[in-house]
N, C-alpha and C. Protein backbone atom coordinates (compact mmCIF):
# COMPACT_ATOMS: atom_id res chain seq x y z
N MET A 1 16.05 -1.17 -3.91
CA MET A 1 16.34 -1.09 -5.32
C MET A 1 17.82 -1.37 -5.56
N ALA A 2 18.15 -2.38 -6.30
CA ALA A 2 19.54 -2.68 -6.62
C ALA A 2 20.03 -1.74 -7.71
N ASP A 3 21.31 -1.37 -7.62
CA ASP A 3 21.94 -0.53 -8.64
C ASP A 3 21.09 0.69 -8.99
N SER A 4 20.76 1.47 -7.99
CA SER A 4 19.95 2.65 -8.23
C SER A 4 20.80 3.90 -8.09
N THR A 5 20.25 5.00 -8.55
CA THR A 5 20.88 6.31 -8.45
C THR A 5 19.96 7.20 -7.63
N THR A 6 20.56 8.01 -6.77
CA THR A 6 19.79 8.87 -5.88
C THR A 6 20.35 10.29 -5.90
N ALA A 7 19.44 11.27 -5.83
CA ALA A 7 19.83 12.68 -5.70
C ALA A 7 18.73 13.39 -4.92
N SER A 8 19.09 14.53 -4.34
CA SER A 8 18.14 15.30 -3.53
C SER A 8 18.19 16.77 -3.89
N ILE A 9 17.09 17.46 -3.57
CA ILE A 9 16.99 18.90 -3.76
C ILE A 9 16.06 19.44 -2.68
N THR A 10 16.27 20.69 -2.30
CA THR A 10 15.36 21.34 -1.36
C THR A 10 14.43 22.26 -2.13
N VAL A 11 13.14 22.09 -1.88
CA VAL A 11 12.09 22.88 -2.55
C VAL A 11 11.47 23.79 -1.49
N ASN A 12 11.30 25.05 -1.84
CA ASN A 12 10.72 26.02 -0.91
C ASN A 12 9.20 25.92 -0.90
N ALA A 13 8.72 24.84 -0.33
CA ALA A 13 7.28 24.58 -0.21
C ALA A 13 7.11 23.46 0.81
N SER A 14 5.89 23.29 1.26
CA SER A 14 5.61 22.22 2.23
C SER A 14 5.62 20.86 1.53
N PRO A 15 5.81 19.77 2.29
CA PRO A 15 5.72 18.44 1.69
C PRO A 15 4.38 18.21 0.97
N ASP A 16 3.28 18.71 1.54
CA ASP A 16 1.98 18.54 0.90
C ASP A 16 1.92 19.24 -0.46
N GLU A 17 2.51 20.44 -0.54
CA GLU A 17 2.52 21.17 -1.82
C GLU A 17 3.37 20.45 -2.86
N VAL A 18 4.50 19.92 -2.43
CA VAL A 18 5.36 19.17 -3.35
C VAL A 18 4.65 17.91 -3.82
N LEU A 19 4.05 17.17 -2.90
CA LEU A 19 3.36 15.94 -3.26
C LEU A 19 2.18 16.20 -4.19
N ALA A 20 1.51 17.33 -4.02
CA ALA A 20 0.38 17.65 -4.90
C ALA A 20 0.85 17.80 -6.35
N VAL A 21 2.02 18.38 -6.56
CA VAL A 21 2.57 18.51 -7.92
C VAL A 21 2.99 17.15 -8.44
N ILE A 22 3.68 16.38 -7.62
CA ILE A 22 4.11 15.04 -8.04
C ILE A 22 2.91 14.17 -8.41
N ALA A 23 1.83 14.27 -7.64
CA ALA A 23 0.66 13.40 -7.83
C ALA A 23 -0.24 13.83 -8.98
N ASP A 24 -0.03 15.00 -9.54
CA ASP A 24 -0.84 15.48 -10.67
C ASP A 24 -0.20 15.00 -11.97
N PHE A 25 -0.25 13.70 -12.19
CA PHE A 25 0.45 13.07 -13.30
C PHE A 25 0.05 13.62 -14.66
N GLU A 26 -1.24 13.86 -14.85
CA GLU A 26 -1.71 14.32 -16.16
C GLU A 26 -1.21 15.72 -16.51
N ALA A 27 -0.68 16.47 -15.52
CA ALA A 27 -0.10 17.79 -15.79
C ALA A 27 1.39 17.71 -16.14
N TYR A 28 2.00 16.54 -16.05
CA TYR A 28 3.43 16.43 -16.33
C TYR A 28 3.85 17.02 -17.68
N PRO A 29 3.07 16.83 -18.75
CA PRO A 29 3.49 17.44 -20.03
C PRO A 29 3.60 18.97 -19.98
N GLU A 30 2.93 19.61 -19.02
CA GLU A 30 3.00 21.06 -18.89
C GLU A 30 4.35 21.54 -18.34
N TRP A 31 5.04 20.69 -17.59
CA TRP A 31 6.24 21.17 -16.92
C TRP A 31 7.46 20.27 -17.03
N THR A 32 7.30 19.08 -17.56
CA THR A 32 8.48 18.24 -17.79
C THR A 32 8.84 18.29 -19.26
N GLY A 33 10.09 18.31 -19.56
CA GLY A 33 10.52 18.41 -20.94
C GLY A 33 10.27 17.16 -21.76
N ALA A 34 10.39 15.99 -21.14
CA ALA A 34 10.36 14.75 -21.90
C ALA A 34 8.99 14.08 -21.96
N VAL A 35 8.14 14.26 -20.95
CA VAL A 35 6.84 13.59 -20.93
C VAL A 35 5.89 14.36 -21.84
N LYS A 36 5.45 13.70 -22.89
CA LYS A 36 4.56 14.34 -23.86
C LYS A 36 3.09 14.06 -23.56
N LYS A 37 2.84 12.94 -22.87
CA LYS A 37 1.47 12.60 -22.49
C LYS A 37 1.52 11.71 -21.25
N ALA A 38 0.60 11.96 -20.32
CA ALA A 38 0.44 11.11 -19.15
C ALA A 38 -1.05 10.92 -18.92
N GLU A 39 -1.46 9.67 -18.85
CA GLU A 39 -2.88 9.36 -18.70
C GLU A 39 -3.07 8.38 -17.55
N VAL A 40 -3.91 8.76 -16.60
CA VAL A 40 -4.22 7.87 -15.48
C VAL A 40 -5.17 6.79 -15.98
N LEU A 41 -4.76 5.53 -15.82
CA LEU A 41 -5.56 4.39 -16.28
C LEU A 41 -6.31 3.73 -15.14
N GLY A 42 -5.87 3.98 -13.91
CA GLY A 42 -6.53 3.34 -12.77
C GLY A 42 -6.37 4.19 -11.51
N TRP A 43 -7.42 4.17 -10.70
CA TRP A 43 -7.46 4.97 -9.49
C TRP A 43 -7.62 4.08 -8.27
N ARG A 44 -7.06 4.49 -7.16
CA ARG A 44 -7.27 3.83 -5.88
C ARG A 44 -8.58 4.32 -5.29
N PRO A 45 -9.15 3.60 -4.35
CA PRO A 45 -10.40 4.05 -3.71
C PRO A 45 -10.27 5.43 -3.04
N ASP A 46 -9.06 5.81 -2.61
CA ASP A 46 -8.87 7.11 -1.96
C ASP A 46 -8.70 8.26 -2.95
N GLY A 47 -8.83 7.96 -4.26
CA GLY A 47 -8.75 9.02 -5.27
C GLY A 47 -7.37 9.27 -5.83
N ARG A 48 -6.36 8.57 -5.35
CA ARG A 48 -5.01 8.73 -5.88
C ARG A 48 -4.82 7.84 -7.10
N ALA A 49 -4.00 8.31 -8.03
CA ALA A 49 -3.70 7.51 -9.22
C ALA A 49 -2.89 6.28 -8.83
N GLU A 50 -3.20 5.17 -9.46
CA GLU A 50 -2.48 3.93 -9.18
C GLU A 50 -1.75 3.40 -10.42
N LEU A 51 -2.32 3.64 -11.60
CA LEU A 51 -1.76 3.15 -12.85
C LEU A 51 -1.72 4.30 -13.84
N VAL A 52 -0.52 4.63 -14.35
CA VAL A 52 -0.37 5.78 -15.24
C VAL A 52 0.44 5.36 -16.47
N HIS A 53 -0.09 5.74 -17.64
CA HIS A 53 0.58 5.47 -18.92
C HIS A 53 1.25 6.76 -19.40
N TYR A 54 2.50 6.63 -19.84
CA TYR A 54 3.28 7.78 -20.29
C TYR A 54 3.74 7.62 -21.73
N GLN A 55 3.82 8.76 -22.43
CA GLN A 55 4.52 8.84 -23.72
C GLN A 55 5.70 9.76 -23.49
N LEU A 56 6.89 9.25 -23.76
CA LEU A 56 8.13 9.95 -23.50
C LEU A 56 8.83 10.26 -24.81
N ASP A 57 9.33 11.49 -24.94
CA ASP A 57 10.16 11.87 -26.08
C ASP A 57 11.30 12.72 -25.55
N ALA A 58 12.44 12.05 -25.33
CA ALA A 58 13.62 12.74 -24.82
C ALA A 58 14.68 12.78 -25.90
N GLY A 59 14.29 13.25 -27.08
CA GLY A 59 15.24 13.32 -28.20
C GLY A 59 15.50 11.95 -28.77
N ALA A 60 16.67 11.40 -28.46
CA ALA A 60 17.05 10.09 -29.00
C ALA A 60 16.25 8.96 -28.37
N ILE A 61 15.66 9.21 -27.22
CA ILE A 61 14.90 8.18 -26.52
C ILE A 61 13.42 8.50 -26.59
N LYS A 62 12.68 7.62 -27.23
CA LYS A 62 11.22 7.72 -27.30
C LYS A 62 10.66 6.40 -26.78
N ASP A 63 9.65 6.47 -25.94
CA ASP A 63 9.09 5.25 -25.40
C ASP A 63 7.69 5.51 -24.88
N GLU A 64 6.94 4.45 -24.73
CA GLU A 64 5.65 4.46 -24.04
C GLU A 64 5.75 3.39 -22.97
N TYR A 65 5.28 3.74 -21.78
CA TYR A 65 5.36 2.80 -20.68
C TYR A 65 4.26 3.10 -19.66
N THR A 66 4.00 2.11 -18.82
CA THR A 66 2.98 2.23 -17.78
C THR A 66 3.62 1.91 -16.43
N LEU A 67 3.33 2.78 -15.46
CA LEU A 67 3.84 2.59 -14.10
C LEU A 67 2.69 2.35 -13.13
N THR A 68 2.95 1.57 -12.10
CA THR A 68 2.02 1.42 -11.00
C THR A 68 2.63 2.10 -9.78
N TYR A 69 1.80 2.84 -9.06
CA TYR A 69 2.26 3.64 -7.92
C TYR A 69 1.79 3.04 -6.60
N ASP A 70 2.68 3.08 -5.61
CA ASP A 70 2.37 2.60 -4.27
C ASP A 70 2.42 3.80 -3.33
N TRP A 71 1.28 4.11 -2.75
CA TRP A 71 1.12 5.27 -1.88
C TRP A 71 1.19 4.90 -0.41
N SER A 72 1.62 3.70 -0.08
CA SER A 72 1.57 3.27 1.32
C SER A 72 2.48 4.09 2.23
N GLY A 73 3.46 4.79 1.65
CA GLY A 73 4.35 5.62 2.45
C GLY A 73 3.88 7.05 2.60
N VAL A 74 2.71 7.39 2.05
CA VAL A 74 2.22 8.77 2.12
C VAL A 74 2.09 9.15 3.58
N PRO A 75 2.48 10.34 3.99
CA PRO A 75 2.77 11.47 3.12
C PRO A 75 4.23 11.61 2.74
N ASP A 76 5.10 10.72 3.18
CA ASP A 76 6.52 10.99 2.96
C ASP A 76 7.21 10.12 1.91
N LEU A 77 6.51 9.18 1.31
CA LEU A 77 7.16 8.30 0.33
C LEU A 77 6.17 7.85 -0.74
N LEU A 78 6.58 8.00 -1.98
CA LEU A 78 5.81 7.50 -3.12
C LEU A 78 6.76 6.66 -3.96
N THR A 79 6.37 5.40 -4.23
CA THR A 79 7.20 4.52 -5.04
C THR A 79 6.44 4.09 -6.29
N TRP A 80 7.20 3.68 -7.30
CA TRP A 80 6.58 3.18 -8.52
C TRP A 80 7.41 2.06 -9.12
N THR A 81 6.72 1.27 -9.95
CA THR A 81 7.31 0.12 -10.63
C THR A 81 6.76 0.05 -12.04
N LEU A 82 7.60 -0.35 -12.97
CA LEU A 82 7.19 -0.52 -14.35
C LEU A 82 6.24 -1.70 -14.49
N VAL A 83 5.12 -1.48 -15.17
CA VAL A 83 4.19 -2.55 -15.51
C VAL A 83 4.54 -3.08 -16.89
N GLU A 84 4.70 -2.17 -17.85
CA GLU A 84 5.11 -2.56 -19.20
C GLU A 84 5.71 -1.36 -19.91
N GLY A 85 6.61 -1.64 -20.84
CA GLY A 85 7.24 -0.60 -21.63
C GLY A 85 7.72 -1.17 -22.94
N GLN A 86 7.97 -0.29 -23.89
CA GLN A 86 8.47 -0.74 -25.18
C GLN A 86 9.99 -0.93 -25.13
N MET A 87 10.72 0.09 -24.68
CA MET A 87 12.18 0.01 -24.57
C MET A 87 12.63 -0.38 -23.17
N LEU A 88 11.82 -0.01 -22.19
CA LEU A 88 12.19 -0.26 -20.79
C LEU A 88 11.83 -1.66 -20.36
N LYS A 89 12.72 -2.28 -19.57
CA LYS A 89 12.34 -3.55 -18.96
C LYS A 89 12.29 -3.42 -17.44
N MET A 90 12.80 -2.28 -16.91
CA MET A 90 12.66 -1.98 -15.49
C MET A 90 12.71 -0.47 -15.31
N LEU A 91 11.82 0.04 -14.48
CA LEU A 91 11.83 1.45 -14.10
C LEU A 91 11.20 1.53 -12.71
N ASP A 92 12.05 1.42 -11.70
CA ASP A 92 11.60 1.47 -10.32
C ASP A 92 12.12 2.76 -9.73
N GLY A 93 11.27 3.43 -8.96
CA GLY A 93 11.73 4.68 -8.38
C GLY A 93 10.93 5.08 -7.17
N SER A 94 11.38 6.20 -6.57
CA SER A 94 10.67 6.74 -5.42
C SER A 94 10.99 8.21 -5.24
N TYR A 95 10.03 8.90 -4.65
CA TYR A 95 10.22 10.23 -4.12
C TYR A 95 10.05 10.12 -2.62
N ALA A 96 11.04 10.55 -1.85
CA ALA A 96 10.93 10.61 -0.40
C ALA A 96 10.96 12.09 -0.01
N LEU A 97 9.98 12.50 0.77
CA LEU A 97 9.85 13.90 1.17
C LEU A 97 10.09 14.02 2.67
N ALA A 98 10.84 15.06 3.04
CA ALA A 98 11.10 15.30 4.46
C ALA A 98 11.20 16.80 4.69
N PRO A 99 10.67 17.30 5.80
CA PRO A 99 10.81 18.73 6.09
C PRO A 99 12.29 19.11 6.13
N ALA A 100 12.63 20.22 5.49
CA ALA A 100 14.02 20.69 5.48
C ALA A 100 14.28 21.58 6.68
N GLU A 101 15.49 21.51 7.17
CA GLU A 101 15.88 22.38 8.27
C GLU A 101 15.81 23.83 7.77
N GLY A 102 15.10 24.67 8.48
CA GLY A 102 14.96 26.06 8.07
C GLY A 102 13.78 26.29 7.15
N GLY A 103 12.99 25.26 6.89
CA GLY A 103 11.80 25.40 6.05
C GLY A 103 11.96 24.73 4.71
N GLY A 104 10.84 24.50 4.06
CA GLY A 104 10.85 23.82 2.77
C GLY A 104 10.83 22.31 2.93
N THR A 105 11.10 21.63 1.83
CA THR A 105 11.03 20.17 1.79
C THR A 105 12.25 19.62 1.08
N ASN A 106 12.89 18.66 1.70
CA ASN A 106 13.94 17.91 1.01
C ASN A 106 13.27 16.81 0.21
N VAL A 107 13.54 16.78 -1.09
CA VAL A 107 12.99 15.77 -1.98
C VAL A 107 14.14 14.88 -2.43
N THR A 108 14.04 13.59 -2.13
CA THR A 108 15.05 12.63 -2.55
C THR A 108 14.42 11.70 -3.58
N TYR A 109 15.04 11.66 -4.75
CA TYR A 109 14.55 10.87 -5.88
C TYR A 109 15.52 9.72 -6.08
N THR A 110 15.00 8.50 -6.07
CA THR A 110 15.81 7.31 -6.32
C THR A 110 15.24 6.62 -7.56
N LEU A 111 16.13 6.18 -8.44
CA LEU A 111 15.69 5.60 -9.71
C LEU A 111 16.60 4.45 -10.11
N SER A 112 15.98 3.40 -10.61
CA SER A 112 16.70 2.26 -11.16
C SER A 112 16.06 1.94 -12.51
N VAL A 113 16.87 1.98 -13.55
CA VAL A 113 16.38 1.82 -14.93
C VAL A 113 17.12 0.68 -15.60
N ASP A 114 16.41 -0.09 -16.40
CA ASP A 114 17.04 -1.06 -17.28
C ASP A 114 16.26 -1.07 -18.59
N VAL A 115 16.99 -1.20 -19.67
CA VAL A 115 16.38 -1.17 -21.00
C VAL A 115 16.58 -2.52 -21.68
N LYS A 116 15.78 -2.74 -22.71
CA LYS A 116 15.81 -4.03 -23.40
C LYS A 116 17.05 -4.21 -24.26
N ILE A 117 17.70 -3.10 -24.64
CA ILE A 117 18.95 -3.22 -25.40
C ILE A 117 20.11 -3.22 -24.41
N PRO A 118 21.16 -3.97 -24.68
CA PRO A 118 22.28 -4.04 -23.73
C PRO A 118 23.00 -2.69 -23.61
N LEU A 119 23.25 -2.26 -22.38
CA LEU A 119 24.03 -1.06 -22.09
C LEU A 119 24.99 -1.36 -20.95
N LEU A 120 26.13 -0.73 -20.97
CA LEU A 120 27.05 -0.85 -19.86
C LEU A 120 26.43 -0.23 -18.61
N GLY A 121 26.72 -0.81 -17.47
CA GLY A 121 26.20 -0.29 -16.21
C GLY A 121 26.53 1.17 -16.00
N MET A 122 27.74 1.57 -16.39
CA MET A 122 28.17 2.95 -16.23
C MET A 122 27.29 3.90 -17.05
N ILE A 123 26.90 3.48 -18.24
CA ILE A 123 26.05 4.31 -19.10
C ILE A 123 24.64 4.39 -18.51
N LYS A 124 24.14 3.28 -17.97
CA LYS A 124 22.82 3.29 -17.33
C LYS A 124 22.80 4.24 -16.13
N ARG A 125 23.85 4.18 -15.28
CA ARG A 125 23.91 5.06 -14.11
C ARG A 125 23.96 6.53 -14.54
N LYS A 126 24.70 6.82 -15.61
CA LYS A 126 24.79 8.19 -16.11
C LYS A 126 23.41 8.65 -16.59
N ALA A 127 22.69 7.78 -17.31
CA ALA A 127 21.34 8.12 -17.78
C ALA A 127 20.41 8.36 -16.60
N GLU A 128 20.49 7.51 -15.58
CA GLU A 128 19.67 7.71 -14.38
C GLU A 128 19.96 9.06 -13.75
N LYS A 129 21.24 9.41 -13.66
CA LYS A 129 21.65 10.67 -13.04
C LYS A 129 21.08 11.86 -13.81
N VAL A 130 21.13 11.81 -15.13
CA VAL A 130 20.57 12.90 -15.95
C VAL A 130 19.06 12.99 -15.75
N ILE A 131 18.38 11.85 -15.75
CA ILE A 131 16.92 11.83 -15.56
C ILE A 131 16.56 12.43 -14.20
N ILE A 132 17.25 11.99 -13.16
CA ILE A 132 16.95 12.47 -11.80
C ILE A 132 17.22 13.96 -11.66
N ASP A 133 18.41 14.40 -12.09
CA ASP A 133 18.76 15.81 -11.95
C ASP A 133 17.77 16.70 -12.70
N THR A 134 17.39 16.30 -13.90
CA THR A 134 16.42 17.07 -14.68
C THR A 134 15.06 17.08 -14.00
N ALA A 135 14.62 15.91 -13.54
CA ALA A 135 13.30 15.82 -12.89
C ALA A 135 13.25 16.68 -11.62
N LEU A 136 14.30 16.65 -10.83
CA LEU A 136 14.30 17.44 -9.60
C LEU A 136 14.29 18.94 -9.90
N ARG A 137 15.08 19.37 -10.87
CA ARG A 137 15.08 20.80 -11.26
C ARG A 137 13.71 21.22 -11.76
N GLU A 138 13.10 20.40 -12.61
CA GLU A 138 11.78 20.74 -13.16
C GLU A 138 10.72 20.75 -12.06
N LEU A 139 10.80 19.80 -11.13
CA LEU A 139 9.85 19.76 -10.01
C LEU A 139 9.99 21.01 -9.15
N LYS A 140 11.21 21.38 -8.81
CA LYS A 140 11.45 22.57 -7.99
C LYS A 140 10.89 23.80 -8.67
N LYS A 141 11.15 23.94 -9.96
CA LYS A 141 10.65 25.10 -10.72
C LYS A 141 9.13 25.13 -10.74
N ARG A 142 8.50 23.98 -10.94
CA ARG A 142 7.03 23.91 -10.99
C ARG A 142 6.42 24.26 -9.64
N VAL A 143 6.95 23.67 -8.58
CA VAL A 143 6.38 23.90 -7.24
C VAL A 143 6.59 25.35 -6.80
N GLU A 144 7.77 25.88 -7.03
CA GLU A 144 8.09 27.22 -6.57
C GLU A 144 7.57 28.31 -7.49
N GLY A 145 7.25 27.91 -8.73
CA GLY A 145 6.79 28.90 -9.73
C GLY A 145 5.41 29.35 -9.45
């Protein structure tokens, strides 16, 4: 991913428990502040979601977009790519999971975002950082809660 932002957090749970929360896309509105609706539009033969449509309301930013998920790195890597969006023209990301020293799971979130309106690269990186930090905190709270 070119020009991406990355952050990590340690979650007090196994990689399987963390991945189960990440993979339950339709529950995202229950624990993420910005996702108001998530609907799985397509499934893989193994029962994992492959195509998910989201409605996002993050205050000043409202959008609807669809992501496709690649599970080929399971159990330690989940990646996604934007299929279509109203404001977004790129949204590529990944969750990488690794056992943490002393127990738990290190979760590394990488994100690359581009929008249809022109923004300075510095502003885009700042937005990515806010998205990632918020997502990791919310994920940790959901898994550990």
